[in-house]
C-alpha atoms as a PDB file:
ATOM      1  CA  MET A   1     119.944 133.067 118.966  1.00  0.00           C
ATOM      2  CA  ASN A   2     118.749 131.131 115.892  1.00  0.00           C
ATOM      3  CA  ILE A   3     119.778 133.879 113.469  1.00  0.00           C
ATOM      4  CA  ALA A   4     122.746 134.104 111.117  1.00  0.00           C
ATOM      5  CA  LEU A   5     124.254 136.393 108.529  1.00  0.00           C
ATOM      6  CA  ASP A   6     122.684 135.644 105.127  1.00  0.00           C
ATOM      7  CA  HIS A   7     124.238 138.092 102.682  1.00  0.00           C
ATOM      8  CA  VAL A   8     125.514 141.609 102.212  1.00  0.00           C
ATOM      9  CA  PHE A   9     124.841 144.054  99.418  1.00  0.00           C
ATOM     10  CA  VAL A  10     126.955 146.891  98.078  1.00  0.00           C
ATOM     11  CA  CYS A  11     125.404 149.702  96.038  1.00  0.00           C
ATOM     12  CA  CYS A  12     127.250 149.871  92.718  1.00  0.00           C
ATOM     13  CA  ALA A  13     127.195 151.620  89.365  1.00  0.00           C
ATOM     14  CA  PRO A  14     124.644 150.397  86.778  1.00  0.00           C
ATOM     15  CA  GLY A  15     125.669 146.984  85.524  1.00  0.00           C
ATOM     16  CA  ALA A  16     128.081 146.636  88.470  1.00  0.00           C
ATOM     17  CA  PRO A  17     131.339 147.003  86.534  1.00  0.00           C
ATOM     18  CA  GLU A  18     132.951 146.783  89.992  1.00  0.00           C
ATOM     19  CA  ALA A  19     132.379 143.017  89.735  1.00  0.00           C
ATOM     20  CA  GLN A  20     135.460 142.784  87.543  1.00  0.00           C
ATOM     21  CA  THR A  21     137.580 143.427  90.628  1.00  0.00           C
ATOM     22  CA  LEU A  22     136.064 140.339  92.258  1.00  0.00           C
ATOM     23  CA  LEU A  23     136.618 138.271  89.125  1.00  0.00           C
ATOM     24  CA  ASP A  24     140.220 139.468  88.988  1.00  0.00           C
ATOM     25  CA  ILE A  25     140.965 138.101  92.472  1.00  0.00           C
ATOM     26  CA  GLY A  26     139.601 134.666  91.581  1.00  0.00           C
ATOM     27  CA  LEU A  27     135.925 134.699  92.561  1.00  0.00           C
ATOM     28  CA  VAL A  28     133.440 132.864  90.353  1.00  0.00           C
ATOM     29  CA  GLU A  29     130.213 134.720  89.612  1.00  0.00           C
ATOM     30  CA  GLY A  30     126.783 133.188  90.180  1.00  0.00           C
ATOM     31  CA  THR A  31     123.453 134.078  88.635  1.00  0.00           C
ATOM     32  CA  SER A  32     122.057 137.595  88.744  1.00  0.00           C
ATOM     33  CA  ASN A  33     118.550 138.701  89.676  1.00  0.00           C
ATOM     34  CA  ILE A  34     116.161 141.390  88.498  1.00  0.00           C
ATOM     35  CA  HIS A  35     113.675 142.499  91.178  1.00  0.00           C
ATOM     36  CA  PRO A  36     110.388 143.325  89.393  1.00  0.00           C
ATOM     37  CA  GLY A  37     108.477 146.128  91.077  1.00  0.00           C
ATOM     38  CA  GLN A  38     111.461 147.089  93.221  1.00  0.00           C
ATOM     39  CA  GLY A  39     113.531 148.540  90.404  1.00  0.00           C
ATOM     40  CA  THR A  40     116.844 146.905  91.290  1.00  0.00           C
ATOM     41  CA  THR A  41     119.150 144.383  89.648  1.00  0.00           C
ATOM     42  CA  ASN A  42     122.166 142.566  91.037  1.00  0.00           C
ATOM     43  CA  ARG A  43     125.237 140.486  90.388  1.00  0.00           C
ATOM     44  CA  ARG A  44     126.051 137.840  92.984  1.00  0.00           C
ATOM     45  CA  PHE A  45     128.990 135.827  94.329  1.00  0.00           C
ATOM     46  CA  PHE A  46     128.089 132.820  96.473  1.00  0.00           C
ATOM     47  CA  PHE A  47     129.897 131.118  99.342  1.00  0.00           C
ATOM     48  CA  ASP A  48     129.006 128.477 101.873  1.00  0.00           C
ATOM     49  CA  GLY A  49     126.872 130.303 104.416  1.00  0.00           C
ATOM     50  CA  GLY A  50     126.133 133.456 102.427  1.00  0.00           C
ATOM     51  CA  PHE A  51     126.686 135.605  99.372  1.00  0.00           C
ATOM     52  CA  LEU A  52     127.905 138.999  98.238  1.00  0.00           C
ATOM     53  CA  GLU A  53     125.488 141.086  96.170  1.00  0.00           C
ATOM     54  CA  LEU A  54     126.409 144.039  93.963  1.00  0.00           C
ATOM     55  CA  LEU A  55     123.190 146.036  93.639  1.00  0.00           C
ATOM     56  CA  TRP A  56     122.054 148.940  91.472  1.00  0.00           C
ATOM     57  CA  VAL A  57     118.840 150.740  90.536  1.00  0.00           C
ATOM     58  CA  SER A  58     117.781 149.683  87.049  1.00  0.00           C
ATOM     59  CA  ASP A  59     114.288 151.225  87.020  1.00  0.00           C
ATOM     60  CA  VAL A  60     114.037 154.633  88.694  1.00  0.00           C
ATOM     61  CA  ASP A  61     110.237 154.718  88.592  1.00  0.00           C
ATOM     62  CA  GLU A  62     109.898 151.370  90.356  1.00  0.00           C
ATOM     63  CA  ALA A  63     112.589 152.269  92.880  1.00  0.00           C
ATOM     64  CA  GLN A  64     110.696 155.471  93.719  1.00  0.00           C
ATOM     65  CA  SER A  65     107.261 153.837  93.844  1.00  0.00           C
ATOM     66  CA  SER A  66     105.126 153.993  96.975  1.00  0.00           C
ATOM     67  CA  LEU A  67     105.875 150.316  97.611  1.00  0.00           C
ATOM     68  CA  THR A  68     109.647 150.561  97.372  1.00  0.00           C
ATOM     69  CA  MET A  69     110.453 154.058  98.660  1.00  0.00           C
ATOM     70  CA  PRO A  70     110.214 153.072 102.363  1.00  0.00           C
ATOM     71  CA  THR A  71     113.134 150.666 101.804  1.00  0.00           C
ATOM     72  CA  ARG A  72     115.296 153.707 100.970  1.00  0.00           C
ATOM     73  CA  LEU A  73     117.043 151.687  98.270  1.00  0.00           C
ATOM     74  CA  TRP A  74     116.688 154.628  95.899  1.00  0.00           C
ATOM     75  CA  GLN A  75     118.009 157.130  98.431  1.00  0.00           C
ATOM     76  CA  ARG A  76     120.869 154.884  99.517  1.00  0.00           C
ATOM     77  CA  TRP A  77     121.893 154.013  95.965  1.00  0.00           C
ATOM     78  CA  SER A  78     121.560 157.503  94.484  1.00  0.00           C
ATOM     79  CA  THR A  79     123.558 159.113  97.315  1.00  0.00           C
ATOM     80  CA  ARG A  80     126.107 156.331  97.751  1.00  0.00           C
ATOM     81  CA  ASN A  81     128.883 158.744  96.771  1.00  0.00           C
ATOM     82  CA  HIS A  82     127.398 161.659  98.707  1.00  0.00           C
ATOM     83  CA  GLY A  83     127.235 160.633 102.343  1.00  0.00           C
ATOM     84  CA  SER A  84     125.080 157.504 102.499  1.00  0.00           C
ATOM     85  CA  CYS A  85     126.449 154.158 103.611  1.00  0.00           C
ATOM     86  CA  PRO A  86     126.379 151.920 100.497  1.00  0.00           C
ATOM     87  CA  PHE A  87     125.946 148.631 102.348  1.00  0.00           C
ATOM     88  CA  GLY A  88     123.040 146.437 103.387  1.00  0.00           C
ATOM     89  CA  ILE A  89     123.208 143.445 105.721  1.00  0.00           C
ATOM     90  CA  ALA A  90     120.666 140.618 105.588  1.00  0.00           C
ATOM     91  CA  PHE A  91     120.046 138.063 108.313  1.00  0.00           C
ATOM     92  CA  ARG A  92     118.185 134.765 108.186  1.00  0.00           C
ATOM     93  CA  PRO A  93     116.684 132.280 110.633  1.00  0.00           C
ATOM     94  CA  THR A  94     118.449 129.017 111.354  1.00  0.00           C
ATOM     95  CA  GLY A  95     116.996 125.802 112.694  1.00  0.00           C
ATOM     96  CA  ASP A  96     113.401 124.699 112.247  1.00  0.00           C
ATOM     97  CA  HIS A  97     111.533 127.814 113.320  1.00  0.00           C
ATOM     98  CA  VAL A  98     111.546 131.430 112.212  1.00  0.00           C
ATOM     99  CA  ALA A  99     112.836 133.526 115.086  1.00  0.00           C
ATOM    100  CA  LEU A 100     111.831 137.116 115.613  1.00  0.00           C
ATOM    101  CA  PRO A 101     114.246 139.611 114.055  1.00  0.00           C
ATOM    102  CA  PRO A 102     116.850 141.023 116.434  1.00  0.00           C
ATOM    103  CA  PHE A 103     115.437 144.551 116.034  1.00  0.00           C
ATOM    104  CA  LEU A 104     112.147 146.406 115.709  1.00  0.00           C
ATOM    105  CA  ALA A 105     111.096 146.070 112.092  1.00  0.00           C
ATOM    106  CA  TRP A 106     108.510 146.941 109.483  1.00  0.00           C
ATOM    107  CA  ASP A 107     107.109 144.490 106.961  1.00  0.00           C
ATOM    108  CA  TYR A 108     108.095 144.811 103.286  1.00  0.00           C
ATOM    109  CA  ARG A 109     106.275 142.618 100.770  1.00  0.00           C
ATOM    110  CA  PRO A 110     107.894 143.046  97.345  1.00  0.00           C
ATOM    111  CA  LYS A 111     106.132 141.840  94.222  1.00  0.00           C
ATOM    112  CA  TYR A 112     108.909 139.426  93.300  1.00  0.00           C
ATOM    113  CA  LEU A 113     108.448 137.258  96.421  1.00  0.00           C
ATOM    114  CA  PRO A 114     105.661 134.694  97.005  1.00  0.00           C
ATOM    115  CA  ARG A 115     102.878 135.901  99.286  1.00  0.00           C
ATOM    116  CA  ASP A 116     104.097 133.825 102.234  1.00  0.00           C
ATOM    117  CA  LYS A 117     107.560 135.405 102.160  1.00  0.00           C
ATOM    118  CA  HIS A 118     108.432 138.918 103.194  1.00  0.00           C
ATOM    119  CA  ILE A 119     111.363 140.999 104.358  1.00  0.00           C
ATOM    120  CA  LEU A 120     111.577 142.769 107.695  1.00  0.00           C
ATOM    121  CA  PHE A 121     113.492 146.058 107.584  1.00  0.00           C
ATOM    122  CA  ALA A 122     114.955 147.490 110.769  1.00  0.00           C
ATOM    123  CA  GLN A 123     113.224 150.612 112.030  1.00  0.00           C
ATOM    124  CA  GLN A 124     114.892 153.952 112.711  1.00  0.00           C
ATOM    125  CA  THR A 125     118.281 153.280 111.162  1.00  0.00           C
ATOM    126  CA  SER A 126     119.935 156.192 109.384  1.00  0.00           C
ATOM    127  CA  LEU A 127     121.341 156.345 105.865  1.00  0.00           C
ATOM    128  CA  GLN A 128     124.741 156.772 107.528  1.00  0.00           C
ATOM    129  CA  GLU A 129     124.498 153.169 108.762  1.00  0.00           C
ATOM    130  CA  PRO A 130     124.075 149.979 106.731  1.00  0.00           C
ATOM    131  CA  GLU A 131     120.541 148.904 105.912  1.00  0.00           C
ATOM    132  CA  LEU A 132     119.559 145.985 108.174  1.00  0.00           C
ATOM    133  CA  PHE A 133     116.920 143.469 107.181  1.00  0.00           C
ATOM    134  CA  TYR A 134     115.701 139.979 108.030  1.00  0.00           C
ATOM    135  CA  LEU A 135     114.311 137.236 105.785  1.00  0.00           C
ATOM    136  CA  ASN A 136     111.277 135.625 107.378  1.00  0.00           C
ATOM    137  CA  TRP A 137     111.486 132.146 105.858  1.00  0.00           C
ATOM    138  CA  ILE A 138     113.344 128.995 106.855  1.00  0.00           C
ATOM    139  CA  ASP A 139     116.838 128.520 105.459  1.00  0.00           C
ATOM    140  CA  PRO A 140     116.765 130.749 102.378  1.00  0.00           C
ATOM    141  CA  GLN A 141     120.318 129.561 101.707  1.00  0.00           C
ATOM    142  CA  LYS A 142     118.826 126.383 100.172  1.00  0.00           C
ATOM    143  CA  SER A 143     118.207 128.446  97.045  1.00  0.00           C
ATOM    144  CA  SER A 144     121.970 128.801  96.564  1.00  0.00           C
ATOM    145  CA  VAL A 145     122.865 125.099  96.513  1.00  0.00           C
ATOM    146  CA  THR A 146     123.311 125.043  92.722  1.00  0.00           C
ATOM    147  CA  GLN A 147     125.362 128.241  92.591  1.00  0.00           C
ATOM    148  CA  PRO A 148     129.134 128.105  91.892  1.00  0.00           C
ATOM    149  CA  LYS A 149     131.176 128.273  95.095  1.00  0.00           C
ATOM    150  CA  ASN A 150     134.500 126.726  94.115  1.00  0.00           C
ATOM    151  CA  HIS A 151     136.440 129.971  93.895  1.00  0.00           C
ATOM    152  CA  PHE A 152     139.917 129.970  92.414  1.00  0.00           C
ATOM    153  CA  ASN A 153     141.305 131.925  95.362  1.00  0.00           C
ATOM    154  CA  GLY A 154     140.092 129.354  97.883  1.00  0.00           C
ATOM    155  CA  LEU A 155     137.504 131.421  99.759  1.00  0.00           C
ATOM    156  CA  GLN A 156     134.916 129.046 101.191  1.00  0.00           C
ATOM    157  CA  ARG A 157     132.540 129.946 104.020  1.00  0.00           C
ATOM    158  CA  LEU A 158     131.390 133.478 104.845  1.00  0.00           C
ATOM    159  CA  ILE A 159     131.953 133.809 108.585  1.00  0.00           C
ATOM    160  CA  SER A 160     131.343 137.410 109.562  1.00  0.00           C
ATOM    161  CA  ALA A 161     131.056 141.025 108.473  1.00  0.00           C
ATOM    162  CA  SER A 162     132.153 144.306 109.996  1.00  0.00           C
ATOM    163  CA  VAL A 163     131.116 147.740 108.723  1.00  0.00           C
ATOM    164  CA  GLY A 164     133.468 150.690 109.010  1.00  0.00           C
ATOM    165  CA  LEU A 165     131.810 154.016 109.756  1.00  0.00           C
ATOM    166  CA  PRO A 166     133.446 157.448 109.862  1.00  0.00           C
ATOM    167  CA  LEU A 167     134.086 158.888 113.302  1.00  0.00           C
ATOM    168  CA  GLY A 168     131.067 160.685 114.741  1.00  0.00           C
ATOM    169  CA  ILE A 169     128.309 158.484 113.301  1.00  0.00           C
ATOM    170  CA  SER A 170     126.134 157.140 116.082  1.00  0.00           C
ATOM    171  CA  LEU A 171     124.652 153.659 115.979  1.00  0.00           C
ATOM    172  CA  SER A 172     120.890 153.269 116.056  1.00  0.00           C
ATOM    173  CA  PRO A 173     119.284 150.862 118.552  1.00  0.00           C
ATOM    174  CA  ALA A 174     118.940 148.285 115.740  1.00  0.00           C
ATOM    175  CA  SER A 175     122.651 148.470 114.918  1.00  0.00           C
ATOM    176  CA  MET A 176     123.571 148.207 118.578  1.00  0.00           C
ATOM    177  CA  GLN A 177     121.320 145.161 118.944  1.00  0.00           C
ATOM    178  CA  VAL A 178     122.890 143.209 116.065  1.00  0.00           C
ATOM    179  CA  GLN A 179     126.324 144.162 117.335  1.00  0.00           C
ATOM    180  CA  ALA A 180     125.502 143.000 120.871  1.00  0.00           C
ATOM    181  CA  ALA A 181     124.150 139.716 119.478  1.00  0.00           C
ATOM    182  CA  GLY A 182     127.408 139.086 117.640  1.00  0.00           C
ATOM    183  CA  LEU A 183     125.696 139.173 114.237  1.00  0.00           C
ATOM    184  CA  LEU A 184     127.569 142.185 112.843  1.00  0.00           C
ATOM    185  CA  GLY A 185     130.635 144.159 113.808  1.00  0.00           C
ATOM    186  CA  PHE A 186     131.267 147.889 113.552  1.00  0.00           C
ATOM    187  CA  HIS A 187     134.574 149.725 113.526  1.00  0.00           C
ATOM    188  CA  VAL A 188     135.767 153.283 112.967  1.00  0.00           C
ATOM    189  CA  ALA A 189     137.193 154.000 109.521  1.00  0.00           C
ATOM    190  CA  SER A 190     138.169 157.017 107.452  1.00  0.00           C
ATOM    191  CA  GLN A 191     135.333 156.197 105.043  1.00  0.00           C
ATOM    192  CA  TYR A 192     132.567 153.631 104.722  1.00  0.00           C
ATOM    193  CA  GLU A 193     134.116 150.207 104.315  1.00  0.00           C
ATOM    194  CA  LEU A 194     133.173 146.565 104.603  1.00  0.00           C
ATOM    195  CA  ARG A 195     135.325 143.782 106.014  1.00  0.00           C
ATOM    196  CA  LEU A 196     134.224 140.239 105.216  1.00  0.00           C
ATOM    197  CA  SER A 197     135.813 137.198 106.851  1.00  0.00           C
ATOM    198  CA  PHE A 198     135.854 133.696 105.374  1.00  0.00           C
ATOM    199  CA  THR A 199     137.353 130.285 105.878  1.00  0.00           C
ATOM    200  CA  GLY A 200     139.717 129.364 103.073  1.00  0.00           C
ATOM    201  CA  ARG A 201     142.253 126.889 101.791  1.00  0.00           C
ATOM    202  CA  LYS A 202     144.993 129.309 102.850  1.00  0.00           C
ATOM    203  CA  PRO A 203     145.213 132.586 104.778  1.00  0.00           C
ATOM    204  CA  VAL A 204     144.850 135.510 102.375  1.00  0.00           C
ATOM    205  CA  THR A 205     143.618 139.112 102.315  1.00  0.00           C
ATOM    206  CA  PHE A 206     142.256 141.036  99.338  1.00  0.00           C
ATOM    207  CA  ASN A 207     141.913 144.807  99.625  1.00  0.00           C
ATOM    208  CA  LEU A 208     139.599 145.893  96.804  1.00  0.00           C
ATOM    209  CA  ALA A 209     139.933 149.672  97.286  1.00  0.00           C
ATOM    210  CA  PRO A 210     139.513 152.036  95.577  1.00  0.00           C
ATOM    211  CA  VAL A 211     137.080 150.213  93.244  1.00  0.00           C
ATOM    212  CA  LEU A 212     135.171 148.663  96.147  1.00  0.00           C
ATOM    213  CA  ALA A 213     135.579 149.843  99.735  1.00  0.00           C
ATOM    214  CA  MET A 214     135.918 146.281 100.865  1.00  0.00           C
ATOM    215  CA  THR A 215     138.442 143.839 102.305  1.00  0.00           C
ATOM    216  CA  LEU A 216     138.050 140.062 102.048  1.00  0.00           C
ATOM    217  CA  THR A 217     140.089 138.032 104.515  1.00  0.00           C
ATOM    218  CA  ALA A 218     140.337 134.248 104.736  1.00  0.00           C
ATOM    219  CA  VAL A 219     141.581 132.211 107.686  1.00  0.00           C
ATOM    220  CA  LEU A 220     142.792 128.654 107.181  1.00  0.00           C
ATOM    221  CA  ASP A 221     139.990 126.118 107.241  1.00  0.00           C
ATOM    222  CA  GLU A 222     141.376 123.361 109.443  1.00  0.00           C
ATOM    223  CA  ALA A 223     138.295 121.149 109.222  1.00  0.00           C
END
């Protein structure tokens, strides 16, 4: 399958003060983005093979517009502390051709993207699962080549992600499909949590709870 993990987002408080926890463990922050028409803003941390995005709603009217509401970014963000899973997982094509997404999807065309680029959101996922979406253009990671990736803690390449869901939450067909394809893992947890795996200069684990329900683990890069 010519598809890979591209990035993950975590819904955060306005301004993403949670980013300080990432800075404190030795990550170097990249550039941020404002998403005109979508009503969201982010802070980003880049790695070889992907990035981590802290996302918040910065314009309520845009986030609740007829264009953006189907993405459920407003619902997911505004209820992140009241039952909704705060994570989103993005996939991208690899190779020379854009593959079909690994799930049934609907076409989202935000104002901030060129007309030939759009985002495919998985259909029929619940707010109790991560949002799943697919970027329909070749190698979007090229846009991150100038971003800082030499982190002080030695994290290098983003390898994989696993989302922890409380017991009793059922996976949608889309979630089961990405799991079966080896693109995303799921595990049972006491609360929503995200486990990210990396290569690194040394084995290390950072548990960012309670500020971020997230664990970053590096395995030794022997290349």
